[in-house]
PDB file of N, CA and C in Angstrom:
ATOM      1  N   MET A   1     -15.444  10.664  -1.160  1.00  0.00           N
ATOM      2  CA  MET A   1     -15.425   9.449  -1.962  1.00  0.00           C
ATOM      3  C   MET A   1     -14.652   8.384  -1.183  1.00  0.00           C
ATOM      4  N   ASP A   2     -15.164   7.174  -1.156  1.00  0.00           N
ATOM      5  CA  ASP A   2     -14.478   6.098  -0.445  1.00  0.00           C
ATOM      6  C   ASP A   2     -13.382   5.492  -1.313  1.00  0.00           C
ATOM      7  N   THR A   3     -12.512   4.714  -0.680  1.00  0.00           N
ATOM      8  CA  THR A   3     -11.346   4.146  -1.358  1.00  0.00           C
ATOM      9  C   THR A   3     -11.740   3.279  -2.540  1.00  0.00           C
ATOM     10  N   GLU A   4     -12.689   2.394  -2.359  1.00  0.00           N
ATOM     11  CA  GLU A   4     -13.090   1.478  -3.429  1.00  0.00           C
ATOM     12  C   GLU A   4     -13.604   2.234  -4.653  1.00  0.00           C
ATOM     13  N   THR A   5     -14.416   3.248  -4.424  1.00  0.00           N
ATOM     14  CA  THR A   5     -14.952   4.046  -5.525  1.00  0.00           C
ATOM     15  C   THR A   5     -13.833   4.779  -6.253  1.00  0.00           C
ATOM     16  N   ALA A   6     -12.891   5.349  -5.515  1.00  0.00           N
ATOM     17  CA  ALA A   6     -11.765   6.072  -6.115  1.00  0.00           C
ATOM     18  C   ALA A   6     -10.911   5.140  -6.969  1.00  0.00           C
ATOM     19  N   LEU A   7     -10.651   3.934  -6.470  1.00  0.00           N
ATOM     20  CA  LEU A   7      -9.847   2.972  -7.222  1.00  0.00           C
ATOM     21  C   LEU A   7     -10.566   2.538  -8.500  1.00  0.00           C
ATOM     22  N   LYS A   8     -11.853   2.262  -8.395  1.00  0.00           N
ATOM     23  CA  LYS A   8     -12.633   1.857  -9.571  1.00  0.00           C
ATOM     24  C   LYS A   8     -12.672   2.969 -10.612  1.00  0.00           C
ATOM     25  N   GLU A   9     -12.822   4.202 -10.163  1.00  0.00           N
ATOM     26  CA  GLU A   9     -12.854   5.329 -11.088  1.00  0.00           C
ATOM     27  C   GLU A   9     -11.504   5.483 -11.802  1.00  0.00           C
ATOM     28  N   ALA A  10     -10.410   5.328 -11.069  1.00  0.00           N
ATOM     29  CA  ALA A  10      -9.079   5.435 -11.666  1.00  0.00           C
ATOM     30  C   ALA A  10      -8.872   4.360 -12.728  1.00  0.00           C
ATOM     31  N   MET A  11      -9.413   3.180 -12.520  1.00  0.00           N
ATOM     32  CA  MET A  11      -9.245   2.083 -13.477  1.00  0.00           C
ATOM     33  C   MET A  11     -10.021   2.294 -14.774  1.00  0.00           C
ATOM     34  N   THR A  12     -10.860   3.335 -14.844  1.00  0.00           N
ATOM     35  CA  THR A  12     -11.574   3.621 -16.086  1.00  0.00           C
ATOM     36  C   THR A  12     -10.719   4.423 -17.067  1.00  0.00           C
ATOM     37  N   VAL A  13      -9.550   4.894 -16.639  1.00  0.00           N
ATOM     38  CA  VAL A  13      -8.652   5.638 -17.521  1.00  0.00           C
ATOM     39  C   VAL A  13      -8.123   4.688 -18.593  1.00  0.00           C
ATOM     40  N   ASP A  14      -8.082   5.139 -19.845  1.00  0.00           N
ATOM     41  CA  ASP A  14      -7.579   4.306 -20.943  1.00  0.00           C
ATOM     42  C   ASP A  14      -6.181   3.786 -20.630  1.00  0.00           C
ATOM     43  N   GLY A  15      -6.005   2.480 -20.725  1.00  0.00           N
ATOM     44  CA  GLY A  15      -4.705   1.859 -20.508  1.00  0.00           C
ATOM     45  C   GLY A  15      -4.405   1.494 -19.065  1.00  0.00           C
ATOM     46  N   ALA A  16      -5.314   1.775 -18.136  1.00  0.00           N
ATOM     47  CA  ALA A  16      -5.066   1.479 -16.716  1.00  0.00           C
ATOM     48  C   ALA A  16      -4.852  -0.015 -16.505  1.00  0.00           C
ATOM     49  N   ILE A  17      -3.767  -0.360 -15.799  1.00  0.00           N
ATOM     50  CA  ILE A  17      -3.503  -1.762 -15.483  1.00  0.00           C
ATOM     51  C   ILE A  17      -3.482  -2.017 -13.983  1.00  0.00           C
ATOM     52  N   GLY A  18      -3.398  -0.959 -13.201  1.00  0.00           N
ATOM     53  CA  GLY A  18      -3.430  -1.120 -11.754  1.00  0.00           C
ATOM     54  C   GLY A  18      -3.368   0.221 -11.063  1.00  0.00           C
ATOM     55  N   VAL A  19      -3.932   0.265  -9.861  1.00  0.00           N
ATOM     56  CA  VAL A  19      -3.945   1.499  -9.084  1.00  0.00           C
ATOM     57  C   VAL A  19      -3.816   1.156  -7.606  1.00  0.00           C
ATOM     58  N   ALA A  20      -3.139   2.023  -6.880  1.00  0.00           N
ATOM     59  CA  ALA A  20      -3.002   1.850  -5.433  1.00  0.00           C
ATOM     60  C   ALA A  20      -3.200   3.184  -4.749  1.00  0.00           C
ATOM     61  N   LEU A  21      -3.871   3.166  -3.620  1.00  0.00           N
ATOM     62  CA  LEU A  21      -3.973   4.316  -2.736  1.00  0.00           C
ATOM     63  C   LEU A  21      -2.977   4.056  -1.618  1.00  0.00           C
ATOM     64  N   VAL A  22      -2.031   4.990  -1.447  1.00  0.00           N
ATOM     65  CA  VAL A  22      -0.881   4.740  -0.584  1.00  0.00           C
ATOM     66  C   VAL A  22      -0.729   5.836   0.460  1.00  0.00           C
ATOM     67  N   ASP A  23      -0.391   5.430   1.677  1.00  0.00           N
ATOM     68  CA  ASP A  23      -0.016   6.353   2.747  1.00  0.00           C
ATOM     69  C   ASP A  23       1.492   6.568   2.625  1.00  0.00           C
ATOM     70  N   TYR A  24       1.922   7.797   2.264  1.00  0.00           N
ATOM     71  CA  TYR A  24       3.354   7.964   2.020  1.00  0.00           C
ATOM     72  C   TYR A  24       4.166   8.184   3.279  1.00  0.00           C
ATOM     73  N   GLU A  25       3.528   8.253   4.435  1.00  0.00           N
ATOM     74  CA  GLU A  25       4.296   8.274   5.683  1.00  0.00           C
ATOM     75  C   GLU A  25       4.745   6.858   6.045  1.00  0.00           C
ATOM     76  N   SER A  26       3.863   5.888   5.829  1.00  0.00           N
ATOM     77  CA  SER A  26       4.194   4.503   6.170  1.00  0.00           C
ATOM     78  C   SER A  26       4.649   3.683   4.961  1.00  0.00           C
ATOM     79  N   GLY A  27       4.252   4.097   3.756  1.00  0.00           N
ATOM     80  CA  GLY A  27       4.553   3.327   2.552  1.00  0.00           C
ATOM     81  C   GLY A  27       3.576   2.191   2.316  1.00  0.00           C
ATOM     82  N   MET A  28       2.545   2.107   3.119  1.00  0.00           N
ATOM     83  CA  MET A  28       1.571   1.023   3.007  1.00  0.00           C
ATOM     84  C   MET A  28       0.459   1.365   2.017  1.00  0.00           C
ATOM     85  N   ALA A  29       0.101   0.384   1.191  1.00  0.00           N
ATOM     86  CA  ALA A  29      -1.039   0.537   0.302  1.00  0.00           C
ATOM     87  C   ALA A  29      -2.309   0.338   1.117  1.00  0.00           C
ATOM     88  N   LEU A  30      -3.205   1.316   1.066  1.00  0.00           N
ATOM     89  CA  LEU A  30      -4.474   1.228   1.788  1.00  0.00           C
ATOM     90  C   LEU A  30      -5.532   0.513   0.964  1.00  0.00           C
ATOM     91  N   GLY A  31      -5.272   0.422  -0.323  1.00  0.00           N
ATOM     92  CA  GLY A  31      -6.178  -0.278  -1.220  1.00  0.00           C
ATOM     93  C   GLY A  31      -5.536  -0.405  -2.578  1.00  0.00           C
ATOM     94  N   THR A  32      -5.831  -1.497  -3.274  1.00  0.00           N
ATOM     95  CA  THR A  32      -5.300  -1.710  -4.620  1.00  0.00           C
ATOM     96  C   THR A  32      -6.388  -2.319  -5.500  1.00  0.00           C
ATOM     97  N   LEU A  33      -6.227  -2.120  -6.793  1.00  0.00           N
ATOM     98  CA  LEU A  33      -7.128  -2.727  -7.763  1.00  0.00           C
ATOM     99  C   LEU A  33      -6.323  -2.957  -9.035  1.00  0.00           C
ATOM    100  N   GLY A  34      -6.485  -4.114  -9.643  1.00  0.00           N
ATOM    101  CA  GLY A  34      -5.743  -4.435 -10.855  1.00  0.00           C
ATOM    102  C   GLY A  34      -4.390  -5.035 -10.511  1.00  0.00           C
ATOM    103  N   GLY A  35      -3.420  -4.755 -11.353  1.00  0.00           N
ATOM    104  CA  GLY A  35      -2.084  -5.330 -11.150  1.00  0.00           C
ATOM    105  C   GLY A  35      -1.983  -6.633 -11.907  1.00  0.00           C
ATOM    106  N   GLY A  36      -1.360  -7.611 -11.288  1.00  0.00           N
ATOM    107  CA  GLY A  36      -1.237  -8.910 -11.932  1.00  0.00           C
ATOM    108  C   GLY A  36       0.173  -9.435 -11.890  1.00  0.00           C
ATOM    109  N   GLN A  37       0.450 -10.379 -12.747  1.00  0.00           N
ATOM    110  CA  GLN A  37       1.728 -11.085 -12.769  1.00  0.00           C
ATOM    111  C   GLN A  37       2.915 -10.143 -12.963  1.00  0.00           C
ATOM    112  N   HIS A  38       2.745  -9.117 -13.789  1.00  0.00           N
ATOM    113  CA  HIS A  38       3.864  -8.218 -14.102  1.00  0.00           C
ATOM    114  C   HIS A  38       3.804  -6.900 -13.343  1.00  0.00           C
ATOM    115  N   LEU A  39       2.846  -6.751 -12.428  1.00  0.00           N
ATOM    116  CA  LEU A  39       2.736  -5.523 -11.654  1.00  0.00           C
ATOM    117  C   LEU A  39       2.323  -5.847 -10.228  1.00  0.00           C
ATOM    118  N   ASP A  40       3.290  -5.850  -9.326  1.00  0.00           N
ATOM    119  CA  ASP A  40       3.045  -6.047  -7.898  1.00  0.00           C
ATOM    120  C   ASP A  40       2.749  -4.676  -7.302  1.00  0.00           C
ATOM    121  N   LEU A  41       1.478  -4.382  -7.068  1.00  0.00           N
ATOM    122  CA  LEU A  41       1.077  -3.063  -6.611  1.00  0.00           C
ATOM    123  C   LEU A  41       1.601  -2.734  -5.216  1.00  0.00           C
ATOM    124  N   GLU A  42       1.744  -3.719  -4.364  1.00  0.00           N
ATOM    125  CA  GLU A  42       2.298  -3.472  -3.024  1.00  0.00           C
ATOM    126  C   GLU A  42       3.754  -3.018  -3.131  1.00  0.00           C
ATOM    127  N   LEU A  43       4.522  -3.687  -3.980  1.00  0.00           N
ATOM    128  CA  LEU A  43       5.918  -3.317  -4.190  1.00  0.00           C
ATOM    129  C   LEU A  43       6.024  -1.961  -4.886  1.00  0.00           C
ATOM    130  N   ALA A  44       5.177  -1.723  -5.870  1.00  0.00           N
ATOM    131  CA  ALA A  44       5.169  -0.436  -6.565  1.00  0.00           C
ATOM    132  C   ALA A  44       4.827   0.698  -5.595  1.00  0.00           C
ATOM    133  N   ALA A  45       3.889   0.443  -4.685  1.00  0.00           N
ATOM    134  CA  ALA A  45       3.511   1.460  -3.697  1.00  0.00           C
ATOM    135  C   ALA A  45       4.685   1.815  -2.798  1.00  0.00           C
ATOM    136  N   ALA A  46       5.396   0.811  -2.344  1.00  0.00           N
ATOM    137  CA  ALA A  46       6.553   1.050  -1.479  1.00  0.00           C
ATOM    138  C   ALA A  46       7.636   1.833  -2.216  1.00  0.00           C
ATOM    139  N   GLY A  47       7.908   1.468  -3.458  1.00  0.00           N
ATOM    140  CA  GLY A  47       8.922   2.171  -4.234  1.00  0.00           C
ATOM    141  C   GLY A  47       8.516   3.602  -4.549  1.00  0.00           C
ATOM    142  N   SER A  48       7.274   3.804  -4.871  1.00  0.00           N
ATOM    143  CA  SER A  48       6.786   5.147  -5.188  1.00  0.00           C
ATOM    144  C   SER A  48       6.795   6.054  -3.966  1.00  0.00           C
ATOM    145  N   THR A  49       6.684   5.456  -2.805  1.00  0.00           N
ATOM    146  CA  THR A  49       6.699   6.240  -1.573  1.00  0.00           C
ATOM    147  C   THR A  49       7.986   7.047  -1.457  1.00  0.00           C
ATOM    148  N   GLU A  50       9.104   6.443  -1.805  1.00  0.00           N
ATOM    149  CA  GLU A  50      10.383   7.162  -1.721  1.00  0.00           C
ATOM    150  C   GLU A  50      10.417   8.332  -2.712  1.00  0.00           C
ATOM    151  N   VAL A  51       9.868   8.124  -3.897  1.00  0.00           N
ATOM    152  CA  VAL A  51       9.807   9.189  -4.896  1.00  0.00           C
ATOM    153  C   VAL A  51       8.945  10.337  -4.371  1.00  0.00           C
ATOM    154  N   VAL A  52       7.780  10.006  -3.846  1.00  0.00           N
ATOM    155  CA  VAL A  52       6.855  11.024  -3.357  1.00  0.00           C
ATOM    156  C   VAL A  52       7.467  11.798  -2.192  1.00  0.00           C
ATOM    157  N   ARG A  53       8.050  11.099  -1.251  1.00  0.00           N
ATOM    158  CA  ARG A  53       8.670  11.788  -0.106  1.00  0.00           C
ATOM    159  C   ARG A  53       9.710  12.792  -0.584  1.00  0.00           C
ATOM    160  N   SER A  54      10.547  12.372  -1.516  1.00  0.00           N
ATOM    161  CA  SER A  54      11.595  13.248  -2.035  1.00  0.00           C
ATOM    162  C   SER A  54      11.000  14.454  -2.757  1.00  0.00           C
ATOM    163  N   LYS A  55      10.049  14.206  -3.643  1.00  0.00           N
ATOM    164  CA  LYS A  55       9.464  15.302  -4.421  1.00  0.00           C
ATOM    165  C   LYS A  55       8.661  16.259  -3.547  1.00  0.00           C
ATOM    166  N   MET A  56       8.043  15.778  -2.482  1.00  0.00           N
ATOM    167  CA  MET A  56       7.254  16.647  -1.614  1.00  0.00           C
ATOM    168  C   MET A  56       8.152  17.627  -0.848  1.00  0.00           C
ATOM    169  N   ARG A  57       9.400  17.260  -0.637  1.00  0.00           N
ATOM    170  CA  ARG A  57      10.346  18.161   0.037  1.00  0.00           C
ATOM    171  C   ARG A  57      10.925  19.208  -0.915  1.00  0.00           C
ATOM    172  N   THR A  58      10.905  18.948  -2.203  1.00  0.00           N
ATOM    173  CA  THR A  58      11.592  19.789  -3.177  1.00  0.00           C
ATOM    174  C   THR A  58      11.098  21.236  -3.237  1.00  0.00           C
ATOM    175  N   PRO A  59       9.796  21.516  -3.344  1.00  0.00           N
ATOM    176  CA  PRO A  59       9.380  22.920  -3.419  1.00  0.00           C
ATOM    177  C   PRO A  59       9.857  23.752  -2.224  1.00  0.00           C
ATOM    178  N   ALA A  60       9.769  23.202  -1.029  1.00  0.00           N
ATOM    179  CA  ALA A  60      10.223  23.936   0.153  1.00  0.00           C
ATOM    180  C   ALA A  60      11.732  24.146   0.114  1.00  0.00           C
ATOM    181  N   SER A  61      12.465  23.139  -0.335  1.00  0.00           N
ATOM    182  CA  SER A  61      13.924  23.248  -0.437  1.00  0.00           C
ATOM    183  C   SER A  61      14.333  24.339  -1.418  1.00  0.00           C
ATOM    184  N   LEU A  62      13.536  24.525  -2.463  1.00  0.00           N
ATOM    185  CA  LEU A  62      13.825  25.538  -3.475  1.00  0.00           C
ATOM    186  C   LEU A  62      13.151  26.874  -3.162  1.00  0.00           C
ATOM    187  N   ASP A  63      12.546  26.962  -1.983  1.00  0.00           N
ATOM    188  CA  ASP A  63      11.839  28.163  -1.542  1.00  0.00           C
ATOM    189  C   ASP A  63      10.740  28.553  -2.531  1.00  0.00           C
ATOM    190  N   MET A  64      10.036  27.537  -3.026  1.00  0.00           N
ATOM    191  CA  MET A  64       8.938  27.750  -3.965  1.00  0.00           C
ATOM    192  C   MET A  64       7.621  27.743  -3.204  1.00  0.00           C
ATOM    193  N   ASP A  65       6.749  28.650  -3.536  1.00  0.00           N
ATOM    194  CA  ASP A  65       5.414  28.683  -2.951  1.00  0.00           C
ATOM    195  C   ASP A  65       4.469  27.990  -3.930  1.00  0.00           C
ATOM    196  N   ASP A  66       4.592  26.668  -4.014  1.00  0.00           N
ATOM    197  CA  ASP A  66       3.822  25.899  -4.987  1.00  0.00           C
ATOM    198  C   ASP A  66       3.631  24.487  -4.456  1.00  0.00           C
ATOM    199  N   VAL A  67       2.770  23.738  -5.100  1.00  0.00           N
ATOM    200  CA  VAL A  67       2.519  22.355  -4.696  1.00  0.00           C
ATOM    201  C   VAL A  67       2.701  21.425  -5.889  1.00  0.00           C
ATOM    202  N   ILE A  68       3.022  20.187  -5.604  1.00  0.00           N
ATOM    203  CA  ILE A  68       3.154  19.159  -6.641  1.00  0.00           C
ATOM    204  C   ILE A  68       1.760  18.636  -6.956  1.00  0.00           C
ATOM    205  N   GLU A  69       1.392  18.669  -8.228  1.00  0.00           N
ATOM    206  CA  GLU A  69       0.098  18.137  -8.643  1.00  0.00           C
ATOM    207  C   GLU A  69       0.212  16.681  -9.052  1.00  0.00           C
ATOM    208  N   ASP A  70       1.203  16.368  -9.886  1.00  0.00           N
ATOM    209  CA  ASP A  70       1.388  15.015 -10.390  1.00  0.00           C
ATOM    210  C   ASP A  70       2.871  14.730 -10.552  1.00  0.00           C
ATOM    211  N   ILE A  71       3.212  13.456 -10.484  1.00  0.00           N
ATOM    212  CA  ILE A  71       4.557  12.975 -10.778  1.00  0.00           C
ATOM    213  C   ILE A  71       4.385  11.903 -11.850  1.00  0.00           C
ATOM    214  N   LEU A  72       5.116  12.041 -12.960  1.00  0.00           N
ATOM    215  CA  LEU A  72       5.003  11.095 -14.056  1.00  0.00           C
ATOM    216  C   LEU A  72       6.326  10.373 -14.241  1.00  0.00           C
ATOM    217  N   ILE A  73       6.261   9.052 -14.231  1.00  0.00           N
ATOM    218  CA  ILE A  73       7.429   8.218 -14.495  1.00  0.00           C
ATOM    219  C   ILE A  73       7.131   7.463 -15.780  1.00  0.00           C
ATOM    220  N   THR A  74       8.005   7.601 -16.770  1.00  0.00           N
ATOM    221  CA  THR A  74       7.789   6.902 -18.032  1.00  0.00           C
ATOM    222  C   THR A  74       8.784   5.761 -18.159  1.00  0.00           C
ATOM    223  N   LEU A  75       8.264   4.609 -18.471  1.00  0.00           N
ATOM    224  CA  LEU A  75       9.059   3.412 -18.731  1.00  0.00           C
ATOM    225  C   LEU A  75       8.813   3.011 -20.184  1.00  0.00           C
ATOM    226  N   GLY A  76       9.552   2.063 -20.665  1.00  0.00           N
ATOM    227  CA  GLY A  76       9.374   1.621 -22.047  1.00  0.00           C
ATOM    228  C   GLY A  76       7.979   1.126 -22.349  1.00  0.00           C
ATOM    229  N   GLU A  77       7.381   0.402 -21.421  1.00  0.00           N
ATOM    230  CA  GLU A  77       6.065  -0.202 -21.647  1.00  0.00           C
ATOM    231  C   GLU A  77       4.976   0.333 -20.724  1.00  0.00           C
ATOM    232  N   GLN A  78       5.322   1.276 -19.848  1.00  0.00           N
ATOM    233  CA  GLN A  78       4.364   1.680 -18.827  1.00  0.00           C
ATOM    234  C   GLN A  78       4.570   3.139 -18.433  1.00  0.00           C
ATOM    235  N   TYR A  79       3.463   3.801 -18.107  1.00  0.00           N
ATOM    236  CA  TYR A  79       3.500   5.102 -17.442  1.00  0.00           C
ATOM    237  C   TYR A  79       3.070   4.872 -16.003  1.00  0.00           C
ATOM    238  N   ASP A  80       3.714   5.532 -15.075  1.00  0.00           N
ATOM    239  CA  ASP A  80       3.266   5.552 -13.686  1.00  0.00           C
ATOM    240  C   ASP A  80       2.913   6.993 -13.363  1.00  0.00           C
ATOM    241  N   LEU A  81       1.657   7.233 -13.081  1.00  0.00           N
ATOM    242  CA  LEU A  81       1.170   8.559 -12.747  1.00  0.00           C
ATOM    243  C   LEU A  81       0.870   8.580 -11.252  1.00  0.00           C
ATOM    244  N   ILE A  82       1.511   9.496 -10.553  1.00  0.00           N
ATOM    245  CA  ILE A  82       1.374   9.582  -9.098  1.00  0.00           C
ATOM    246  C   ILE A  82       0.769  10.929  -8.760  1.00  0.00           C
ATOM    247  N   ARG A  83      -0.323  10.921  -8.000  1.00  0.00           N
ATOM    248  CA  ARG A  83      -0.993  12.158  -7.605  1.00  0.00           C
ATOM    249  C   ARG A  83      -1.099  12.235  -6.084  1.00  0.00           C
ATOM    250  N   PRO A  84      -0.369  13.178  -5.469  1.00  0.00           N
ATOM    251  CA  PRO A  84      -0.545  13.415  -4.028  1.00  0.00           C
ATOM    252  C   PRO A  84      -1.970  13.918  -3.780  1.00  0.00           C
ATOM    253  N   LEU A  85      -2.551  13.480  -2.675  1.00  0.00           N
ATOM    254  CA  LEU A  85      -3.924  13.850  -2.349  1.00  0.00           C
ATOM    255  C   LEU A  85      -3.975  14.602  -1.036  1.00  0.00           C
ATOM    256  N   SER A  86      -4.862  15.575  -0.965  1.00  0.00           N
ATOM    257  CA  SER A  86      -5.144  16.240   0.301  1.00  0.00           C
ATOM    258  C   SER A  86      -6.221  15.422   0.988  1.00  0.00           C
ATOM    259  N   SER A  87      -5.953  15.036   2.230  1.00  0.00           N
ATOM    260  CA  SER A  87      -6.911  14.183   2.921  1.00  0.00           C
ATOM    261  C   SER A  87      -6.829  14.389   4.422  1.00  0.00           C
ATOM    262  N   SER A  88      -7.969  14.295   5.052  1.00  0.00           N
ATOM    263  CA  SER A  88      -7.993  14.342   6.506  1.00  0.00           C
ATOM    264  C   SER A  88      -7.503  13.021   7.090  1.00  0.00           C
ATOM    265  N   LYS A  89      -7.347  12.010   6.220  1.00  0.00           N
ATOM    266  CA  LYS A  89      -6.903  10.690   6.662  1.00  0.00           C
ATOM    267  C   LYS A  89      -5.385  10.566   6.688  1.00  0.00           C
ATOM    268  N   GLY A  90      -4.666  11.613   6.294  1.00  0.00           N
ATOM    269  CA  GLY A  90      -3.212  11.555   6.320  1.00  0.00           C
ATOM    270  C   GLY A  90      -2.594  11.928   4.991  1.00  0.00           C
ATOM    271  N   ALA A  91      -1.321  11.620   4.857  1.00  0.00           N
ATOM    272  CA  ALA A  91      -0.551  11.944   3.661  1.00  0.00           C
ATOM    273  C   ALA A  91      -0.710  10.795   2.666  1.00  0.00           C
ATOM    274  N   LEU A  92      -1.549  10.993   1.673  1.00  0.00           N
ATOM    275  CA  LEU A  92      -1.882   9.926   0.737  1.00  0.00           C
ATOM    276  C   LEU A  92      -1.497  10.298  -0.686  1.00  0.00           C
ATOM    277  N   PHE A  93      -1.283   9.275  -1.508  1.00  0.00           N
ATOM    278  CA  PHE A  93      -1.150   9.487  -2.940  1.00  0.00           C
ATOM    279  C   PHE A  93      -1.784   8.326  -3.681  1.00  0.00           C
ATOM    280  N   LEU A  94      -2.170   8.614  -4.907  1.00  0.00           N
ATOM    281  CA  LEU A  94      -2.736   7.616  -5.801  1.00  0.00           C
ATOM    282  C   LEU A  94      -1.670   7.285  -6.834  1.00  0.00           C
ATOM    283  N   HIS A  95      -1.372   6.009  -6.992  1.00  0.00           N
ATOM    284  CA  HIS A  95      -0.398   5.551  -7.987  1.00  0.00           C
ATOM    285  C   HIS A  95      -1.173   4.778  -9.040  1.00  0.00           C
ATOM    286  N   LEU A  96      -1.206   5.336 -10.249  1.00  0.00           N
ATOM    287  CA  LEU A  96      -1.924   4.720 -11.361  1.00  0.00           C
ATOM    288  C   LEU A  96      -0.909   4.235 -12.390  1.00  0.00           C
ATOM    289  N   ALA A  97      -0.905   2.943 -12.661  1.00  0.00           N
ATOM    290  CA  ALA A  97      -0.024   2.358 -13.666  1.00  0.00           C
ATOM    291  C   ALA A  97      -0.812   2.193 -14.957  1.00  0.00           C
ATOM    292  N   LEU A  98      -0.219   2.679 -16.050  1.00  0.00           N
ATOM    293  CA  LEU A  98      -0.872   2.632 -17.352  1.00  0.00           C
ATOM    294  C   LEU A  98      -0.021   1.851 -18.342  1.00  0.00           C
ATOM    295  N   ASP A  99      -0.665   1.030 -19.148  1.00  0.00           N
ATOM    296  CA  ASP A  99       0.007   0.343 -20.248  1.00  0.00           C
ATOM    297  C   ASP A  99       0.314   1.410 -21.296  1.00  0.00           C
ATOM    298  N   ARG A 100       1.598   1.639 -21.552  1.00  0.00           N
ATOM    299  CA  ARG A 100       1.991   2.755 -22.408  1.00  0.00           C
ATOM    300  C   ARG A 100       1.385   2.710 -23.809  1.00  0.00           C
ATOM    301  N   PRO A 101       1.408   1.562 -24.508  1.00  0.00           N
ATOM    302  CA  PRO A 101       0.803   1.557 -25.840  1.00  0.00           C
ATOM    303  C   PRO A 101      -0.717   1.832 -25.831  1.00  0.00           C
ATOM    304  N   ALA A 102      -1.398   1.452 -24.762  1.00  0.00           N
ATOM    305  CA  ALA A 102      -2.853   1.635 -24.706  1.00  0.00           C
ATOM    306  C   ALA A 102      -3.262   3.001 -24.164  1.00  0.00           C
ATOM    307  N   ALA A 103      -2.352   3.659 -23.464  1.00  0.00           N
ATOM    308  CA  ALA A 103      -2.654   4.968 -22.886  1.00  0.00           C
ATOM    309  C   ALA A 103      -2.422   6.059 -23.924  1.00  0.00           C
ATOM    310  N   VAL A 104      -3.113   7.149 -23.766  1.00  0.00           N
ATOM    311  CA  VAL A 104      -2.922   8.284 -24.658  1.00  0.00           C
ATOM    312  C   VAL A 104      -1.735   9.086 -24.141  1.00  0.00           C
ATOM    313  N   SER A 105      -0.708   9.197 -24.952  1.00  0.00           N
ATOM    314  CA  SER A 105       0.504   9.913 -24.562  1.00  0.00           C
ATOM    315  C   SER A 105       0.386  11.388 -24.897  1.00  0.00           C
ATOM    316  N   PRO A 106       0.870  12.247 -23.994  1.00  0.00           N
ATOM    317  CA  PRO A 106       0.885  13.667 -24.301  1.00  0.00           C
ATOM    318  C   PRO A 106       2.041  14.051 -25.228  1.00  0.00           C
ATOM    319  N   TRP A 107       2.942  13.107 -25.498  1.00  0.00           N
ATOM    320  CA  TRP A 107       4.150  13.380 -26.288  1.00  0.00           C
ATOM    321  C   TRP A 107       4.053  12.719 -27.657  1.00  0.00           C
ATOM    322  N   PRO A 108       4.691  13.323 -28.666  1.00  0.00           N
ATOM    323  CA  PRO A 108       4.735  12.674 -29.983  1.00  0.00           C
ATOM    324  C   PRO A 108       5.541  11.378 -29.916  1.00  0.00           C
ATOM    325  N   ALA A 109       5.308  10.495 -30.854  1.00  0.00           N
ATOM    326  CA  ALA A 109       5.989   9.191 -30.869  1.00  0.00           C
ATOM    327  C   ALA A 109       7.504   9.335 -30.956  1.00  0.00           C
ATOM    328  N   THR A 110       7.961  10.313 -31.696  1.00  0.00           N
ATOM    329  CA  THR A 110       9.397  10.565 -31.788  1.00  0.00           C
ATOM    330  C   THR A 110       9.660  12.014 -31.454  1.00  0.00           C
ATOM    331  N   VAL A 111      10.684  12.232 -30.689  1.00  0.00           N
ATOM    332  CA  VAL A 111      11.036  13.596 -30.298  1.00  0.00           C
ATOM    333  C   VAL A 111      12.399  13.927 -30.839  1.00  0.00           C
TER     334      VAL A 111
END
């Protein structure tokens, strides 16, 4: 699947407000779609890169024979879903930003 198709498909998720395909070795966004005044996808990609780098080291540090499937960051108004990807093009991840009220939450409203 090419980058444009992957980004368009990600934007079909309920509540999607922006998506970036990011190289986590360089921190550069290889492609973005959506975003806007309140979501700078280039800046979000750079910030998420540090999270991904740290989390990718964690299983090995804990001597775990496992892989990270997703990283979820919850904010008051937004979910950030980060998925590391296996690719022959390098170390990539998809960062999908979701509008929290419009997205379907896996958690009850009050805990």
